[in-house]
Amino acid sequence: MKPAEFKAWRKMLKLTQKEAAQRLGLKSRIIQYYEKGERNGDRFEIPKAIELACYALSLGVESYSGPEKSNKKK
């Protein structure tokens, strides 16, 4: 995910940087780094886990506890 794509995702969900940070469990400053693509002049990449979390949030998934256990005996 590129910085512009991350910002477009946030704006599509009508989230402020602070709200996006809260939904992703991050600090607001990290959201700024993601959108700028750098931190103190160094490249700052968006981790795959954050990219997947953005996708999940855009689908309406707020939390995930793993697959459901089946009660069927084999």
PDB file of N, CA and C in Angstrom:
ATOM      1  N   MET A   1       0.855  -1.170   0.000  1.00  0.00           N
ATOM      2  CA  MET A   1       0.000   0.000   0.000  1.00  0.00           C
ATOM      3  C   MET A   1       0.900   1.232   0.000  1.00  0.00           C
ATOM      4  N   LYS A   2       0.606   2.138  -0.894  1.00  0.00           N
ATOM      5  CA  LYS A   2       1.373   3.375  -1.007  1.00  0.00           C
ATOM      6  C   LYS A   2       0.742   4.455  -0.120  1.00  0.00           C
ATOM      7  N   PRO A   3       1.525   5.480   0.247  1.00  0.00           N
ATOM      8  CA  PRO A   3       0.991   6.549   1.096  1.00  0.00           C
ATOM      9  C   PRO A   3      -0.300   7.175   0.557  1.00  0.00           C
ATOM     10  N   ALA A   4      -0.367   7.445  -0.735  1.00  0.00           N
ATOM     11  CA  ALA A   4      -1.575   8.049  -1.318  1.00  0.00           C
ATOM     12  C   ALA A   4      -2.769   7.105  -1.210  1.00  0.00           C
ATOM     13  N   GLU A   5      -2.523   5.797  -1.338  1.00  0.00           N
ATOM     14  CA  GLU A   5      -3.603   4.814  -1.213  1.00  0.00           C
ATOM     15  C   GLU A   5      -4.108   4.754   0.230  1.00  0.00           C
ATOM     16  N   PHE A   6      -3.173   4.852   1.176  1.00  0.00           N
ATOM     17  CA  PHE A   6      -3.563   4.849   2.580  1.00  0.00           C
ATOM     18  C   PHE A   6      -4.437   6.058   2.890  1.00  0.00           C
ATOM     19  N   LYS A   7      -4.017   7.233   2.430  1.00  0.00           N
ATOM     20  CA  LYS A   7      -4.789   8.448   2.674  1.00  0.00           C
ATOM     21  C   LYS A   7      -6.161   8.358   2.004  1.00  0.00           C
ATOM     22  N   ALA A   8      -6.211   7.811   0.792  1.00  0.00           N
ATOM     23  CA  ALA A   8      -7.488   7.650   0.088  1.00  0.00           C
ATOM     24  C   ALA A   8      -8.406   6.707   0.866  1.00  0.00           C
ATOM     25  N   TRP A   9      -7.836   5.642   1.456  1.00  0.00           N
ATOM     26  CA  TRP A   9      -8.616   4.703   2.275  1.00  0.00           C
ATOM     27  C   TRP A   9      -9.238   5.443   3.461  1.00  0.00           C
ATOM     28  N   ARG A  10      -8.404   6.240   4.142  1.00  0.00           N
ATOM     29  CA  ARG A  10      -8.888   6.974   5.313  1.00  0.00           C
ATOM     30  C   ARG A  10     -10.003   7.942   4.939  1.00  0.00           C
ATOM     31  N   LYS A  11      -9.802   8.659   3.855  1.00  0.00           N
ATOM     32  CA  LYS A  11     -10.810   9.633   3.427  1.00  0.00           C
ATOM     33  C   LYS A  11     -12.082   8.938   2.945  1.00  0.00           C
ATOM     34  N   MET A  12     -11.952   7.769   2.304  1.00  0.00           N
ATOM     35  CA  MET A  12     -13.115   7.014   1.848  1.00  0.00           C
ATOM     36  C   MET A  12     -14.007   6.635   3.036  1.00  0.00           C
ATOM     37  N   LEU A  13     -13.376   6.298   4.164  1.00  0.00           N
ATOM     38  CA  LEU A  13     -14.128   5.951   5.368  1.00  0.00           C
ATOM     39  C   LEU A  13     -14.506   7.186   6.187  1.00  0.00           C
ATOM     40  N   LYS A  14     -14.144   8.360   5.680  1.00  0.00           N
ATOM     41  CA  LYS A  14     -14.448   9.636   6.353  1.00  0.00           C
ATOM     42  C   LYS A  14     -13.891   9.682   7.782  1.00  0.00           C
ATOM     43  N   LEU A  15     -12.636   9.222   7.917  1.00  0.00           N
ATOM     44  CA  LEU A  15     -11.974   9.210   9.219  1.00  0.00           C
ATOM     45  C   LEU A  15     -10.943  10.325   9.284  1.00  0.00           C
ATOM     46  N   THR A  16     -10.826  10.942  10.445  1.00  0.00           N
ATOM     47  CA  THR A  16      -9.717  11.864  10.687  1.00  0.00           C
ATOM     48  C   THR A  16      -8.477  10.998  10.923  1.00  0.00           C
ATOM     49  N   GLN A  17      -7.323  11.619  10.955  1.00  0.00           N
ATOM     50  CA  GLN A  17      -6.107  10.862  11.262  1.00  0.00           C
ATOM     51  C   GLN A  17      -6.210  10.250  12.655  1.00  0.00           C
ATOM     52  N   LYS A  18      -6.766  10.998  13.585  1.00  0.00           N
ATOM     53  CA  LYS A  18      -6.911  10.497  14.958  1.00  0.00           C
ATOM     54  C   LYS A  18      -7.861   9.289  14.999  1.00  0.00           C
ATOM     55  N   GLU A  19      -8.972   9.378  14.281  1.00  0.00           N
ATOM     56  CA  GLU A  19      -9.931   8.264  14.249  1.00  0.00           C
ATOM     57  C   GLU A  19      -9.330   7.027  13.584  1.00  0.00           C
ATOM     58  N   ALA A  20      -8.587   7.241  12.506  1.00  0.00           N
ATOM     59  CA  ALA A  20      -7.936   6.121  11.830  1.00  0.00           C
ATOM     60  C   ALA A  20      -6.938   5.446  12.775  1.00  0.00           C
ATOM     61  N   ALA A  21      -6.199   6.258  13.508  1.00  0.00           N
ATOM     62  CA  ALA A  21      -5.236   5.721  14.472  1.00  0.00           C
ATOM     63  C   ALA A  21      -5.947   4.870  15.523  1.00  0.00           C
ATOM     64  N   GLN A  22      -7.051   5.379  16.042  1.00  0.00           N
ATOM     65  CA  GLN A  22      -7.804   4.632  17.058  1.00  0.00           C
ATOM     66  C   GLN A  22      -8.324   3.313  16.494  1.00  0.00           C
ATOM     67  N   ARG A  23      -8.881   3.334  15.295  1.00  0.00           N
ATOM     68  CA  ARG A  23      -9.440   2.122  14.689  1.00  0.00           C
ATOM     69  C   ARG A  23      -8.360   1.086  14.401  1.00  0.00           C
ATOM     70  N   LEU A  24      -7.138   1.554  14.083  1.00  0.00           N
ATOM     71  CA  LEU A  24      -6.038   0.641  13.768  1.00  0.00           C
ATOM     72  C   LEU A  24      -5.177   0.313  14.989  1.00  0.00           C
ATOM     73  N   GLY A  25      -5.465   0.947  16.125  1.00  0.00           N
ATOM     74  CA  GLY A  25      -4.680   0.697  17.337  1.00  0.00           C
ATOM     75  C   GLY A  25      -3.288   1.307  17.273  1.00  0.00           C
ATOM     76  N   LEU A  26      -3.188   2.475  16.641  1.00  0.00           N
ATOM     77  CA  LEU A  26      -1.902   3.146  16.468  1.00  0.00           C
ATOM     78  C   LEU A  26      -1.947   4.543  17.055  1.00  0.00           C
ATOM     79  N   LYS A  27      -0.798   5.180  17.108  1.00  0.00           N
ATOM     80  CA  LYS A  27      -0.721   6.583  17.517  1.00  0.00           C
ATOM     81  C   LYS A  27      -0.941   7.450  16.276  1.00  0.00           C
ATOM     82  N   SER A  28      -1.504   8.622  16.481  1.00  0.00           N
ATOM     83  CA  SER A  28      -1.802   9.531  15.370  1.00  0.00           C
ATOM     84  C   SER A  28      -0.564   9.864  14.541  1.00  0.00           C
ATOM     85  N   ARG A  29       0.566   9.974  15.188  1.00  0.00           N
ATOM     86  CA  ARG A  29       1.808  10.324  14.475  1.00  0.00           C
ATOM     87  C   ARG A  29       2.153   9.259  13.427  1.00  0.00           C
ATOM     88  N   ILE A  30       1.884   8.003  13.723  1.00  0.00           N
ATOM     89  CA  ILE A  30       2.173   6.922  12.775  1.00  0.00           C
ATOM     90  C   ILE A  30       1.324   7.098  11.513  1.00  0.00           C
ATOM     91  N   ILE A  31       0.078   7.519  11.681  1.00  0.00           N
ATOM     92  CA  ILE A  31      -0.795   7.759  10.532  1.00  0.00           C
ATOM     93  C   ILE A  31      -0.183   8.850   9.652  1.00  0.00           C
ATOM     94  N   GLN A  32       0.366   9.867  10.272  1.00  0.00           N
ATOM     95  CA  GLN A  32       1.019  10.936   9.513  1.00  0.00           C
ATOM     96  C   GLN A  32       2.208  10.393   8.733  1.00  0.00           C
ATOM     97  N   TYR A  33       2.996   9.522   9.349  1.00  0.00           N
ATOM     98  CA  TYR A  33       4.142   8.913   8.658  1.00  0.00           C
ATOM     99  C   TYR A  33       3.662   8.074   7.475  1.00  0.00           C
ATOM    100  N   TYR A  34       2.597   7.303   7.680  1.00  0.00           N
ATOM    101  CA  TYR A  34       2.069   6.469   6.593  1.00  0.00           C
ATOM    102  C   TYR A  34       1.636   7.328   5.415  1.00  0.00           C
ATOM    103  N   GLU A  35       0.965   8.438   5.699  1.00  0.00           N
ATOM    104  CA  GLU A  35       0.455   9.281   4.624  1.00  0.00           C
ATOM    105  C   GLU A  35       1.562  10.064   3.920  1.00  0.00           C
ATOM    106  N   LYS A  36       2.603  10.377   4.642  1.00  0.00           N
ATOM    107  CA  LYS A  36       3.731  11.100   4.051  1.00  0.00           C
ATOM    108  C   LYS A  36       4.704  10.133   3.376  1.00  0.00           C
ATOM    109  N   GLY A  37       4.782   8.904   3.898  1.00  0.00           N
ATOM    110  CA  GLY A  37       5.705   7.916   3.345  1.00  0.00           C
ATOM    111  C   GLY A  37       7.117   8.055   3.845  1.00  0.00           C
ATOM    112  N   GLU A  38       7.282   8.891   4.838  1.00  0.00           N
ATOM    113  CA  GLU A  38       8.620   9.059   5.411  1.00  0.00           C
ATOM    114  C   GLU A  38       8.546   9.525   6.853  1.00  0.00           C
ATOM    115  N   ARG A  39       9.656   9.296   7.533  1.00  0.00           N
ATOM    116  CA  ARG A  39       9.804   9.726   8.928  1.00  0.00           C
ATOM    117  C   ARG A  39      11.208  10.287   9.077  1.00  0.00           C
ATOM    118  N   ASN A  40      11.293  11.546   9.430  1.00  0.00           N
ATOM    119  CA  ASN A  40      12.590  12.220   9.582  1.00  0.00           C
ATOM    120  C   ASN A  40      13.474  12.056   8.348  1.00  0.00           C
ATOM    121  N   GLY A  41      12.852  12.134   7.172  1.00  0.00           N
ATOM    122  CA  GLY A  41      13.602  12.032   5.921  1.00  0.00           C
ATOM    123  C   GLY A  41      13.863  10.618   5.447  1.00  0.00           C
ATOM    124  N   ASP A  42      13.559   9.619   6.278  1.00  0.00           N
ATOM    125  CA  ASP A  42      13.754   8.220   5.892  1.00  0.00           C
ATOM    126  C   ASP A  42      12.432   7.631   5.410  1.00  0.00           C
ATOM    127  N   ARG A  43      12.528   6.711   4.463  1.00  0.00           N
ATOM    128  CA  ARG A  43      11.335   6.049   3.936  1.00  0.00           C
ATOM    129  C   ARG A  43      10.623   5.288   5.057  1.00  0.00           C
ATOM    130  N   PHE A  44       9.310   5.365   5.065  1.00  0.00           N
ATOM    131  CA  PHE A  44       8.513   4.731   6.114  1.00  0.00           C
ATOM    132  C   PHE A  44       7.416   3.929   5.431  1.00  0.00           C
ATOM    133  N   GLU A  45       7.564   2.619   5.431  1.00  0.00           N
ATOM    134  CA  GLU A  45       6.628   1.742   4.726  1.00  0.00           C
ATOM    135  C   GLU A  45       5.457   1.333   5.604  1.00  0.00           C
ATOM    136  N   ILE A  46       4.335   1.109   4.950  1.00  0.00           N
ATOM    137  CA  ILE A  46       3.128   0.640   5.623  1.00  0.00           C
ATOM    138  C   ILE A  46       3.206  -0.884   5.695  1.00  0.00           C
ATOM    139  N   PRO A  47       3.202  -1.457   6.900  1.00  0.00           N
ATOM    140  CA  PRO A  47       3.307  -2.909   7.040  1.00  0.00           C
ATOM    141  C   PRO A  47       2.107  -3.645   6.419  1.00  0.00           C
ATOM    142  N   LYS A  48       2.338  -4.851   5.966  1.00  0.00           N
ATOM    143  CA  LYS A  48       1.282  -5.677   5.369  1.00  0.00           C
ATOM    144  C   LYS A  48       0.123  -5.859   6.350  1.00  0.00           C
ATOM    145  N   ALA A  49       0.416  -6.016   7.631  1.00  0.00           N
ATOM    146  CA  ALA A  49      -0.645  -6.195   8.634  1.00  0.00           C
ATOM    147  C   ALA A  49      -1.573  -4.980   8.680  1.00  0.00           C
ATOM    148  N   ILE A  50      -1.024  -3.779   8.532  1.00  0.00           N
ATOM    149  CA  ILE A  50      -1.846  -2.564   8.528  1.00  0.00           C
ATOM    150  C   ILE A  50      -2.657  -2.502   7.247  1.00  0.00           C
ATOM    151  N   GLU A  51      -2.037  -2.865   6.139  1.00  0.00           N
ATOM    152  CA  GLU A  51      -2.751  -2.901   4.865  1.00  0.00           C
ATOM    153  C   GLU A  51      -3.963  -3.837   4.955  1.00  0.00           C
ATOM    154  N   LEU A  52      -3.769  -5.008   5.537  1.00  0.00           N
ATOM    155  CA  LEU A  52      -4.867  -5.974   5.691  1.00  0.00           C
ATOM    156  C   LEU A  52      -5.913  -5.468   6.686  1.00  0.00           C
ATOM    157  N   ALA A  53      -5.464  -4.790   7.742  1.00  0.00           N
ATOM    158  CA  ALA A  53      -6.404  -4.222   8.709  1.00  0.00           C
ATOM    159  C   ALA A  53      -7.263  -3.139   8.048  1.00  0.00           C
ATOM    160  N   CYS A  54      -6.669  -2.338   7.178  1.00  0.00           N
ATOM    161  CA  CYS A  54      -7.425  -1.317   6.444  1.00  0.00           C
ATOM    162  C   CYS A  54      -8.499  -1.981   5.588  1.00  0.00           C
ATOM    163  N   TYR A  55      -8.124  -3.049   4.925  1.00  0.00           N
ATOM    164  CA  TYR A  55      -9.082  -3.788   4.089  1.00  0.00           C
ATOM    165  C   TYR A  55     -10.227  -4.321   4.953  1.00  0.00           C
ATOM    166  N   ALA A  56      -9.898  -4.921   6.081  1.00  0.00           N
ATOM    167  CA  ALA A  56     -10.921  -5.476   6.967  1.00  0.00           C
ATOM    168  C   ALA A  56     -11.862  -4.374   7.460  1.00  0.00           C
ATOM    169  N   LEU A  57     -11.314  -3.241   7.864  1.00  0.00           N
ATOM    170  CA  LEU A  57     -12.145  -2.139   8.343  1.00  0.00           C
ATOM    171  C   LEU A  57     -13.056  -1.611   7.239  1.00  0.00           C
ATOM    172  N   SER A  58     -12.559  -1.598   6.013  1.00  0.00           N
ATOM    173  CA  SER A  58     -13.405  -1.111   4.920  1.00  0.00           C
ATOM    174  C   SER A  58     -14.538  -2.086   4.612  1.00  0.00           C
ATOM    175  N   LEU A  59     -14.397  -3.341   5.044  1.00  0.00           N
ATOM    176  CA  LEU A  59     -15.464  -4.329   4.892  1.00  0.00           C
ATOM    177  C   LEU A  59     -16.404  -4.349   6.095  1.00  0.00           C
ATOM    178  N   GLY A  60     -16.085  -3.550   7.115  1.00  0.00           N
ATOM    179  CA  GLY A  60     -16.922  -3.490   8.307  1.00  0.00           C
ATOM    180  C   GLY A  60     -16.490  -4.429   9.420  1.00  0.00           C
ATOM    181  N   VAL A  61     -15.344  -5.075   9.271  1.00  0.00           N
ATOM    182  CA  VAL A  61     -14.827  -5.978  10.304  1.00  0.00           C
ATOM    183  C   VAL A  61     -14.106  -5.139  11.355  1.00  0.00           C
ATOM    184  N   GLU A  62     -14.630  -5.149  12.577  1.00  0.00           N
ATOM    185  CA  GLU A  62     -14.050  -4.353  13.663  1.00  0.00           C
ATOM    186  C   GLU A  62     -13.121  -5.166  14.552  1.00  0.00           C
ATOM    187  N   SER A  63     -13.360  -6.473  14.636  1.00  0.00           N
ATOM    188  CA  SER A  63     -12.494  -7.346  15.431  1.00  0.00           C
ATOM    189  C   SER A  63     -12.561  -8.755  14.863  1.00  0.00           C
ATOM    190  N   TYR A  64     -11.569  -9.554  15.210  1.00  0.00           N
ATOM    191  CA  TYR A  64     -11.501 -10.918  14.707  1.00  0.00           C
ATOM    192  C   TYR A  64     -10.894 -11.796  15.792  1.00  0.00           C
ATOM    193  N   SER A  65     -11.575 -12.886  16.103  1.00  0.00           N
ATOM    194  CA  SER A  65     -11.115 -13.789  17.162  1.00  0.00           C
ATOM    195  C   SER A  65     -10.651 -15.132  16.615  1.00  0.00           C
ATOM    196  N   GLY A  66     -10.418 -15.208  15.343  1.00  0.00           N
ATOM    197  CA  GLY A  66      -9.988 -16.458  14.730  1.00  0.00           C
ATOM    198  C   GLY A  66     -11.178 -17.240  14.208  1.00  0.00           C
ATOM    199  N   PRO A  67     -10.911 -18.374  13.573  1.00  0.00           N
ATOM    200  CA  PRO A  67     -12.002 -19.174  13.019  1.00  0.00           C
ATOM    201  C   PRO A  67     -12.869 -19.749  14.130  1.00  0.00           C
ATOM    202  N   GLU A  68     -14.143 -19.922  13.809  1.00  0.00           N
ATOM    203  CA  GLU A  68     -15.062 -20.511  14.776  1.00  0.00           C
ATOM    204  C   GLU A  68     -14.729 -21.990  14.938  1.00  0.00           C
ATOM    205  N   LYS A  69     -14.826 -22.476  16.167  1.00  0.00           N
ATOM    206  CA  LYS A  69     -14.564 -23.887  16.439  1.00  0.00           C
ATOM    207  C   LYS A  69     -15.802 -24.700  16.099  1.00  0.00           C
ATOM    208  N   SER A  70     -15.557 -25.830  15.511  1.00  0.00           N
ATOM    209  CA  SER A  70     -16.654 -26.714  15.177  1.00  0.00           C
ATOM    210  C   SER A  70     -16.862 -27.691  16.328  1.00  0.00           C
ATOM    211  N   ASN A  71     -18.118 -27.933  16.689  1.00  0.00           N
ATOM    212  CA  ASN A  71     -18.444 -28.873  17.755  1.00  0.00           C
ATOM    213  C   ASN A  71     -18.597 -30.297  17.249  1.00  0.00           C
ATOM    214  N   LYS A  72     -18.457 -30.483  15.956  1.00  0.00           N
ATOM    215  CA  LYS A  72     -18.615 -31.816  15.373  1.00  0.00           C
ATOM    216  C   LYS A  72     -17.387 -32.666  15.657  1.00  0.00           C
ATOM    217  N   LYS A  73     -17.637 -33.929  16.029  1.00  0.00           N
ATOM    218  CA  LYS A  73     -16.540 -34.860  16.252  1.00  0.00           C
ATOM    219  C   LYS A  73     -16.291 -35.599  14.949  1.00  0.00           C
ATOM    220  N   LYS A  74     -15.050 -35.860  14.657  1.00  0.00           N
ATOM    221  CA  LYS A  74     -14.695 -36.593  13.431  1.00  0.00           C
ATOM    222  C   LYS A  74     -14.418 -38.028  13.726  1.00  0.00           C
TER     223      LYS A  74
END
